[in-house]
Amino acid sequence: MEYFERVALAIDWDDKKKAKLFPAFLPNKSEGLRIYNSLSDADKKSFKKIKEGIQESEKPKRNLMVQKLLNAKRNQNEELSHLADRIIDMTNKVYCNAKINIRRLLARDIFINSLNSPLKIKALAIPELPETIDEILNLISPMDL
């Protein structure tokens, strides 16, 4: 969707043109094409309506991903760096439209929340909480025994 919108912006396509060309960008047998084909003929004539239809159908999946992200916990014997990567990946998927600095802060906070109590307390006790997970990792990794 983002790629298509960048192309459409660069070429200056209007809503009708985008609606007409969008299906050509969808892979065969893709979820996006299935959703597109389920729209009414009237909705298929407006890219805005197509986009709304796709976003609406994605809500349950997205809500599940948000819940999984917010409930993330460190697995037994999981390296802190692996936990950090997992949370960063999930945050980038769930909040793909958010600005990068917002995603970093969200990932940082979710990472801290996912730690066991002793490490969480140590992370929250850092006087000036760093903005990124990597900075927090550098500070708390030596404490992870």
N, C-alpha and C. Protein backbone atom coordinates (compact mmCIF):
# COMPACT_ATOMS: atom_id res chain seq x y z
N MET A 1 0.83 -1.19 0.00
CA MET A 1 0.00 0.00 0.00
C MET A 1 0.88 1.26 0.00
N GLU A 2 1.87 1.28 0.90
CA GLU A 2 2.74 2.46 0.98
C GLU A 2 3.51 2.67 -0.32
N TYR A 3 4.03 1.58 -0.87
CA TYR A 3 4.77 1.68 -2.14
C TYR A 3 3.86 2.23 -3.23
N PHE A 4 2.67 1.67 -3.33
CA PHE A 4 1.72 2.12 -4.35
C PHE A 4 1.40 3.61 -4.18
N GLU A 5 1.19 4.03 -2.95
CA GLU A 5 0.87 5.44 -2.70
C GLU A 5 2.04 6.36 -3.06
N ARG A 6 3.27 5.90 -2.83
CA ARG A 6 4.43 6.71 -3.23
C ARG A 6 4.51 6.83 -4.75
N VAL A 7 4.26 5.73 -5.45
CA VAL A 7 4.26 5.75 -6.92
C VAL A 7 3.17 6.69 -7.41
N ALA A 8 1.97 6.55 -6.86
CA ALA A 8 0.83 7.38 -7.28
C ALA A 8 1.10 8.86 -7.04
N LEU A 9 1.75 9.17 -5.94
CA LEU A 9 2.09 10.56 -5.63
C LEU A 9 3.13 11.09 -6.62
N ALA A 10 4.13 10.27 -6.90
CA ALA A 10 5.20 10.70 -7.81
C ALA A 10 4.68 10.95 -9.23
N ILE A 11 3.70 10.15 -9.63
CA ILE A 11 3.17 10.28 -10.99
C ILE A 11 1.95 11.20 -11.02
N ASP A 12 1.50 11.60 -9.83
CA ASP A 12 0.37 12.53 -9.70
C ASP A 12 -0.95 11.93 -10.19
N TRP A 13 -1.23 10.68 -9.75
CA TRP A 13 -2.50 10.05 -10.10
C TRP A 13 -3.60 10.58 -9.20
N ASP A 14 -4.78 10.76 -9.77
CA ASP A 14 -5.93 11.15 -8.96
C ASP A 14 -6.58 9.88 -8.37
N ASP A 15 -7.62 10.06 -7.57
CA ASP A 15 -8.26 8.95 -6.87
C ASP A 15 -8.78 7.89 -7.85
N LYS A 16 -9.38 8.33 -8.95
CA LYS A 16 -9.93 7.39 -9.93
C LYS A 16 -8.84 6.55 -10.59
N LYS A 17 -7.77 7.21 -10.97
CA LYS A 17 -6.65 6.52 -11.62
C LYS A 17 -6.03 5.51 -10.65
N LYS A 18 -5.86 5.92 -9.39
CA LYS A 18 -5.31 5.01 -8.38
C LYS A 18 -6.22 3.79 -8.21
N ALA A 19 -7.53 4.03 -8.17
CA ALA A 19 -8.49 2.93 -8.01
C ALA A 19 -8.40 1.96 -9.18
N LYS A 20 -8.22 2.49 -10.36
CA LYS A 20 -8.15 1.65 -11.56
C LYS A 20 -6.86 0.81 -11.60
N LEU A 21 -5.75 1.39 -11.16
CA LEU A 21 -4.45 0.71 -11.28
C LEU A 21 -4.05 -0.12 -10.05
N PHE A 22 -4.64 0.17 -8.91
CA PHE A 22 -4.25 -0.52 -7.68
C PHE A 22 -4.28 -2.04 -7.77
N PRO A 23 -5.34 -2.65 -8.33
CA PRO A 23 -5.37 -4.12 -8.38
C PRO A 23 -4.18 -4.73 -9.13
N ALA A 24 -3.63 -4.00 -10.08
CA ALA A 24 -2.49 -4.52 -10.85
C ALA A 24 -1.25 -4.66 -9.97
N PHE A 25 -1.20 -3.95 -8.86
CA PHE A 25 -0.06 -4.02 -7.94
C PHE A 25 -0.19 -5.16 -6.92
N LEU A 26 -1.36 -5.79 -6.88
CA LEU A 26 -1.61 -6.85 -5.90
C LEU A 26 -1.22 -8.22 -6.46
N PRO A 27 -0.46 -9.00 -5.70
CA PRO A 27 -0.09 -10.34 -6.16
C PRO A 27 -1.31 -11.25 -6.27
N ASN A 28 -1.26 -12.18 -7.22
CA ASN A 28 -2.34 -13.17 -7.35
C ASN A 28 -2.50 -13.93 -6.05
N LYS A 29 -3.73 -14.25 -5.72
CA LYS A 29 -4.08 -15.03 -4.52
C LYS A 29 -3.66 -14.35 -3.22
N SER A 30 -3.41 -13.05 -3.26
CA SER A 30 -3.03 -12.33 -2.03
C SER A 30 -4.28 -11.96 -1.24
N GLU A 31 -4.07 -11.69 0.03
CA GLU A 31 -5.17 -11.25 0.90
C GLU A 31 -5.72 -9.91 0.39
N GLY A 32 -4.82 -9.02 -0.05
CA GLY A 32 -5.26 -7.73 -0.57
C GLY A 32 -6.17 -7.87 -1.77
N LEU A 33 -5.84 -8.78 -2.68
CA LEU A 33 -6.68 -9.01 -3.86
C LEU A 33 -8.01 -9.62 -3.47
N ARG A 34 -7.99 -10.52 -2.50
CA ARG A 34 -9.24 -11.12 -2.02
C ARG A 34 -10.16 -10.05 -1.44
N ILE A 35 -9.59 -9.16 -0.66
CA ILE A 35 -10.38 -8.07 -0.07
C ILE A 35 -10.89 -7.15 -1.16
N TYR A 36 -10.03 -6.79 -2.10
CA TYR A 36 -10.43 -5.92 -3.22
C TYR A 36 -11.61 -6.54 -3.97
N ASN A 37 -11.52 -7.84 -4.26
CA ASN A 37 -12.58 -8.51 -5.01
C ASN A 37 -13.89 -8.58 -4.24
N SER A 38 -13.83 -8.47 -2.92
CA SER A 38 -15.05 -8.52 -2.11
C SER A 38 -15.77 -7.17 -2.03
N LEU A 39 -15.11 -6.11 -2.50
CA LEU A 39 -15.73 -4.77 -2.46
C LEU A 39 -16.80 -4.64 -3.53
N SER A 40 -17.72 -3.72 -3.30
CA SER A 40 -18.75 -3.45 -4.30
C SER A 40 -18.13 -2.77 -5.52
N ASP A 41 -18.81 -2.84 -6.65
CA ASP A 41 -18.31 -2.19 -7.86
C ASP A 41 -18.15 -0.69 -7.65
N ALA A 42 -19.06 -0.10 -6.88
CA ALA A 42 -18.97 1.35 -6.61
C ALA A 42 -17.72 1.67 -5.78
N ASP A 43 -17.44 0.84 -4.78
CA ASP A 43 -16.25 1.08 -3.94
C ASP A 43 -14.95 0.87 -4.72
N LYS A 44 -14.97 -0.02 -5.69
CA LYS A 44 -13.77 -0.29 -6.49
C LYS A 44 -13.38 0.90 -7.37
N LYS A 45 -14.28 1.85 -7.53
CA LYS A 45 -14.01 3.02 -8.37
C LYS A 45 -13.32 4.15 -7.61
N SER A 46 -13.18 3.99 -6.29
CA SER A 46 -12.55 5.01 -5.46
C SER A 46 -11.41 4.38 -4.66
N PHE A 47 -10.20 4.90 -4.86
CA PHE A 47 -9.06 4.37 -4.11
C PHE A 47 -9.26 4.59 -2.61
N LYS A 48 -9.85 5.71 -2.26
CA LYS A 48 -10.11 5.99 -0.84
C LYS A 48 -10.97 4.88 -0.24
N LYS A 49 -11.99 4.45 -0.96
CA LYS A 49 -12.89 3.38 -0.49
C LYS A 49 -12.15 2.04 -0.45
N ILE A 50 -11.30 1.80 -1.44
CA ILE A 50 -10.52 0.55 -1.47
C ILE A 50 -9.62 0.49 -0.24
N LYS A 51 -8.93 1.59 0.02
CA LYS A 51 -8.01 1.65 1.16
C LYS A 51 -8.77 1.46 2.47
N GLU A 52 -9.92 2.11 2.61
CA GLU A 52 -10.74 1.96 3.81
C GLU A 52 -11.18 0.51 3.99
N GLY A 53 -11.56 -0.14 2.90
CA GLY A 53 -11.99 -1.54 2.96
C GLY A 53 -10.87 -2.45 3.43
N ILE A 54 -9.68 -2.22 2.91
CA ILE A 54 -8.53 -3.04 3.31
C ILE A 54 -8.18 -2.79 4.77
N GLN A 55 -8.16 -1.53 5.17
CA GLN A 55 -7.83 -1.20 6.56
C GLN A 55 -8.86 -1.78 7.52
N GLU A 56 -10.13 -1.72 7.14
CA GLU A 56 -11.19 -2.26 8.00
C GLU A 56 -11.04 -3.77 8.18
N SER A 57 -10.70 -4.45 7.10
CA SER A 57 -10.56 -5.91 7.18
C SER A 57 -9.32 -6.31 7.98
N GLU A 58 -8.36 -5.42 8.09
CA GLU A 58 -7.12 -5.70 8.82
C GLU A 58 -7.24 -5.45 10.33
N LYS A 59 -8.31 -4.77 10.76
CA LYS A 59 -8.43 -4.39 12.17
C LYS A 59 -8.33 -5.56 13.15
N PRO A 60 -9.06 -6.67 12.94
CA PRO A 60 -8.95 -7.76 13.91
C PRO A 60 -7.52 -8.31 14.01
N LYS A 61 -6.86 -8.45 12.87
CA LYS A 61 -5.48 -8.95 12.85
C LYS A 61 -4.56 -7.97 13.57
N ARG A 62 -4.75 -6.69 13.30
CA ARG A 62 -3.92 -5.67 13.94
C ARG A 62 -4.15 -5.65 15.45
N ASN A 63 -5.41 -5.73 15.86
CA ASN A 63 -5.72 -5.73 17.30
C ASN A 63 -5.05 -6.91 18.01
N LEU A 64 -5.04 -8.06 17.35
CA LEU A 64 -4.37 -9.23 17.92
C LEU A 64 -2.87 -8.99 18.03
N MET A 65 -2.28 -8.36 17.02
CA MET A 65 -0.85 -8.05 17.04
C MET A 65 -0.52 -7.05 18.15
N VAL A 66 -1.40 -6.06 18.35
CA VAL A 66 -1.20 -5.08 19.42
C VAL A 66 -1.21 -5.78 20.77
N GLN A 67 -2.19 -6.67 20.97
CA GLN A 67 -2.28 -7.41 22.24
C GLN A 67 -1.02 -8.24 22.48
N LYS A 68 -0.56 -8.91 21.43
CA LYS A 68 0.64 -9.73 21.54
C LYS A 68 1.85 -8.87 21.91
N LEU A 69 1.95 -7.70 21.28
CA LEU A 69 3.05 -6.79 21.56
C LEU A 69 3.00 -6.29 23.00
N LEU A 70 1.84 -5.83 23.42
CA LEU A 70 1.71 -5.27 24.76
C LEU A 70 1.89 -6.31 25.86
N ASN A 71 1.66 -7.57 25.53
CA ASN A 71 1.82 -8.65 26.51
C ASN A 71 3.16 -9.38 26.37
N ALA A 72 4.05 -8.85 25.55
CA ALA A 72 5.35 -9.50 25.33
C ALA A 72 6.11 -9.64 26.65
N LYS A 73 6.68 -10.79 26.83
CA LYS A 73 7.52 -11.08 28.00
C LYS A 73 8.76 -11.80 27.53
N ARG A 74 9.77 -11.71 28.32
CA ARG A 74 11.03 -12.39 28.01
C ARG A 74 10.86 -13.89 28.23
N ASN A 75 11.22 -14.67 27.22
CA ASN A 75 11.16 -16.12 27.33
C ASN A 75 12.31 -16.63 28.19
N GLN A 76 12.12 -17.80 28.76
CA GLN A 76 13.16 -18.39 29.59
C GLN A 76 14.44 -18.56 28.77
N ASN A 77 15.55 -18.13 29.33
CA ASN A 77 16.88 -18.21 28.70
C ASN A 77 17.02 -17.35 27.43
N GLU A 78 16.09 -16.46 27.19
CA GLU A 78 16.17 -15.60 26.01
C GLU A 78 17.18 -14.48 26.26
N GLU A 79 18.06 -14.29 25.32
CA GLU A 79 19.02 -13.19 25.40
C GLU A 79 18.27 -11.87 25.34
N LEU A 80 18.74 -10.89 26.08
CA LEU A 80 18.11 -9.57 26.06
C LEU A 80 18.10 -8.99 24.65
N SER A 81 19.17 -9.21 23.91
CA SER A 81 19.25 -8.66 22.55
C SER A 81 18.20 -9.30 21.64
N HIS A 82 17.91 -10.58 21.85
CA HIS A 82 16.87 -11.25 21.05
C HIS A 82 15.50 -10.70 21.41
N LEU A 83 15.25 -10.52 22.69
CA LEU A 83 13.99 -9.92 23.14
C LEU A 83 13.83 -8.53 22.53
N ALA A 84 14.89 -7.74 22.56
CA ALA A 84 14.85 -6.39 22.00
C ALA A 84 14.52 -6.44 20.51
N ASP A 85 15.17 -7.32 19.77
CA ASP A 85 14.91 -7.45 18.33
C ASP A 85 13.46 -7.86 18.07
N ARG A 86 12.96 -8.78 18.87
CA ARG A 86 11.58 -9.26 18.72
C ARG A 86 10.59 -8.11 18.94
N ILE A 87 10.83 -7.33 19.97
CA ILE A 87 9.93 -6.21 20.27
C ILE A 87 10.04 -5.12 19.21
N ILE A 88 11.23 -4.83 18.75
CA ILE A 88 11.40 -3.82 17.69
C ILE A 88 10.66 -4.27 16.43
N ASP A 89 10.81 -5.54 16.05
CA ASP A 89 10.12 -6.06 14.85
C ASP A 89 8.61 -5.94 14.99
N MET A 90 8.08 -6.37 16.14
CA MET A 90 6.63 -6.30 16.35
C MET A 90 6.15 -4.85 16.35
N THR A 91 6.89 -3.97 17.00
CA THR A 91 6.50 -2.56 17.06
C THR A 91 6.47 -1.95 15.66
N ASN A 92 7.47 -2.26 14.85
CA ASN A 92 7.51 -1.73 13.48
C ASN A 92 6.37 -2.25 12.63
N LYS A 93 5.94 -3.49 12.86
CA LYS A 93 4.81 -4.05 12.11
C LYS A 93 3.49 -3.43 12.56
N VAL A 94 3.30 -3.36 13.86
CA VAL A 94 2.02 -2.87 14.39
C VAL A 94 1.85 -1.38 14.17
N TYR A 95 2.93 -0.62 14.33
CA TYR A 95 2.86 0.83 14.21
C TYR A 95 3.64 1.33 12.99
N CYS A 96 3.47 0.65 11.87
CA CYS A 96 4.25 0.96 10.67
C CYS A 96 4.03 2.38 10.16
N ASN A 97 2.91 2.98 10.48
CA ASN A 97 2.63 4.35 10.00
C ASN A 97 3.07 5.42 10.99
N ALA A 98 3.53 5.01 12.16
CA ALA A 98 3.99 5.99 13.16
C ALA A 98 5.38 6.50 12.79
N LYS A 99 5.68 7.69 13.23
CA LYS A 99 7.01 8.25 12.98
C LYS A 99 8.05 7.40 13.71
N ILE A 100 9.24 7.36 13.15
CA ILE A 100 10.31 6.50 13.67
C ILE A 100 10.63 6.78 15.14
N ASN A 101 10.65 8.05 15.54
CA ASN A 101 10.96 8.35 16.94
C ASN A 101 9.86 7.87 17.88
N ILE A 102 8.63 7.90 17.43
CA ILE A 102 7.51 7.38 18.23
C ILE A 102 7.64 5.87 18.36
N ARG A 103 7.97 5.19 17.25
CA ARG A 103 8.16 3.73 17.30
C ARG A 103 9.29 3.36 18.24
N ARG A 104 10.38 4.13 18.22
CA ARG A 104 11.51 3.85 19.12
C ARG A 104 11.09 3.95 20.58
N LEU A 105 10.35 5.01 20.90
CA LEU A 105 9.91 5.19 22.29
C LEU A 105 8.93 4.11 22.72
N LEU A 106 8.01 3.75 21.82
CA LEU A 106 7.07 2.66 22.13
C LEU A 106 7.82 1.36 22.37
N ALA A 107 8.75 1.05 21.47
CA ALA A 107 9.53 -0.18 21.61
C ALA A 107 10.31 -0.18 22.92
N ARG A 108 10.89 0.97 23.25
CA ARG A 108 11.66 1.08 24.50
C ARG A 108 10.76 0.78 25.69
N ASP A 109 9.60 1.41 25.74
CA ASP A 109 8.70 1.22 26.89
C ASP A 109 8.17 -0.21 26.98
N ILE A 110 7.84 -0.79 25.83
CA ILE A 110 7.35 -2.17 25.81
C ILE A 110 8.47 -3.13 26.22
N PHE A 111 9.68 -2.84 25.78
CA PHE A 111 10.84 -3.66 26.16
C PHE A 111 11.02 -3.64 27.68
N ILE A 112 11.00 -2.47 28.27
CA ILE A 112 11.16 -2.36 29.73
C ILE A 112 10.05 -3.13 30.43
N ASN A 113 8.83 -2.98 29.94
CA ASN A 113 7.69 -3.67 30.55
C ASN A 113 7.81 -5.19 30.44
N SER A 114 8.50 -5.67 29.41
CA SER A 114 8.62 -7.11 29.20
C SER A 114 9.67 -7.78 30.09
N LEU A 115 10.46 -6.98 30.76
CA LEU A 115 11.53 -7.52 31.60
C LEU A 115 10.98 -8.09 32.91
N ASN A 116 11.73 -9.00 33.52
CA ASN A 116 11.33 -9.49 34.83
C ASN A 116 11.52 -8.36 35.84
N SER A 117 10.88 -8.48 36.98
CA SER A 117 10.85 -7.38 37.95
C SER A 117 12.21 -6.80 38.33
N PRO A 118 13.21 -7.62 38.69
CA PRO A 118 14.49 -7.01 39.09
C PRO A 118 15.12 -6.17 37.97
N LEU A 119 15.10 -6.69 36.74
CA LEU A 119 15.69 -5.92 35.63
C LEU A 119 14.85 -4.69 35.28
N LYS A 120 13.53 -4.85 35.37
CA LYS A 120 12.64 -3.73 35.09
C LYS A 120 12.91 -2.59 36.07
N ILE A 121 13.05 -2.93 37.34
CA ILE A 121 13.34 -1.92 38.36
C ILE A 121 14.67 -1.23 38.08
N LYS A 122 15.67 -2.01 37.69
CA LYS A 122 16.98 -1.44 37.37
C LYS A 122 16.90 -0.52 36.16
N ALA A 123 16.13 -0.92 35.16
CA ALA A 123 15.99 -0.09 33.96
C ALA A 123 15.26 1.22 34.29
N LEU A 124 14.22 1.11 35.09
CA LEU A 124 13.45 2.32 35.44
C LEU A 124 14.20 3.22 36.40
N ALA A 125 15.22 2.69 37.06
CA ALA A 125 16.02 3.49 38.00
C ALA A 125 17.10 4.31 37.29
N ILE A 126 17.26 4.11 36.00
CA ILE A 126 18.26 4.88 35.25
C ILE A 126 17.83 6.35 35.29
N PRO A 127 18.71 7.25 35.76
CA PRO A 127 18.33 8.66 35.97
C PRO A 127 17.70 9.32 34.74
N GLU A 128 18.35 9.27 33.62
CA GLU A 128 17.78 9.84 32.40
C GLU A 128 17.56 8.69 31.43
N LEU A 129 16.33 8.22 31.36
CA LEU A 129 16.00 7.05 30.56
C LEU A 129 16.37 7.29 29.09
N PRO A 130 17.22 6.44 28.53
CA PRO A 130 17.60 6.61 27.12
C PRO A 130 16.40 6.46 26.19
N GLU A 131 16.55 6.94 24.97
CA GLU A 131 15.44 6.89 24.02
C GLU A 131 15.35 5.58 23.26
N THR A 132 16.43 4.81 23.20
CA THR A 132 16.40 3.59 22.40
C THR A 132 16.65 2.35 23.24
N ILE A 133 16.18 1.24 22.71
CA ILE A 133 16.40 -0.05 23.35
C ILE A 133 17.89 -0.36 23.42
N ASP A 134 18.62 -0.06 22.36
CA ASP A 134 20.06 -0.35 22.35
C ASP A 134 20.79 0.33 23.50
N GLU A 135 20.43 1.57 23.77
CA GLU A 135 21.06 2.29 24.88
C GLU A 135 20.71 1.64 26.22
N ILE A 136 19.48 1.22 26.35
CA ILE A 136 19.06 0.54 27.59
C ILE A 136 19.78 -0.80 27.71
N LEU A 137 19.89 -1.53 26.60
CA LEU A 137 20.62 -2.81 26.61
C LEU A 137 22.04 -2.63 27.12
N ASN A 138 22.71 -1.60 26.63
CA ASN A 138 24.09 -1.33 27.06
C ASN A 138 24.18 -1.09 28.56
N LEU A 139 23.14 -0.49 29.13
CA LEU A 139 23.16 -0.17 30.55
C LEU A 139 22.76 -1.35 31.44
N ILE A 140 21.79 -2.15 30.98
CA ILE A 140 21.29 -3.21 31.87
C ILE A 140 21.87 -4.59 31.58
N SER A 141 22.47 -4.80 30.42
CA SER A 141 23.03 -6.13 30.10
C SER A 141 24.02 -6.61 31.16
N PRO A 142 24.91 -5.75 31.64
CA PRO A 142 25.83 -6.23 32.69
C PRO A 142 25.11 -6.67 33.97
N MET A 143 23.89 -6.17 34.18
CA MET A 143 23.13 -6.52 35.39
C MET A 143 22.35 -7.82 35.22
N ASP A 144 22.28 -8.34 33.99
CA ASP A 144 21.50 -9.53 33.69
C ASP A 144 22.31 -10.78 33.99
N LEU A 145 22.16 -11.28 35.18
CA LEU A 145 22.95 -12.45 35.59
C LEU A 145 22.16 -13.71 35.51
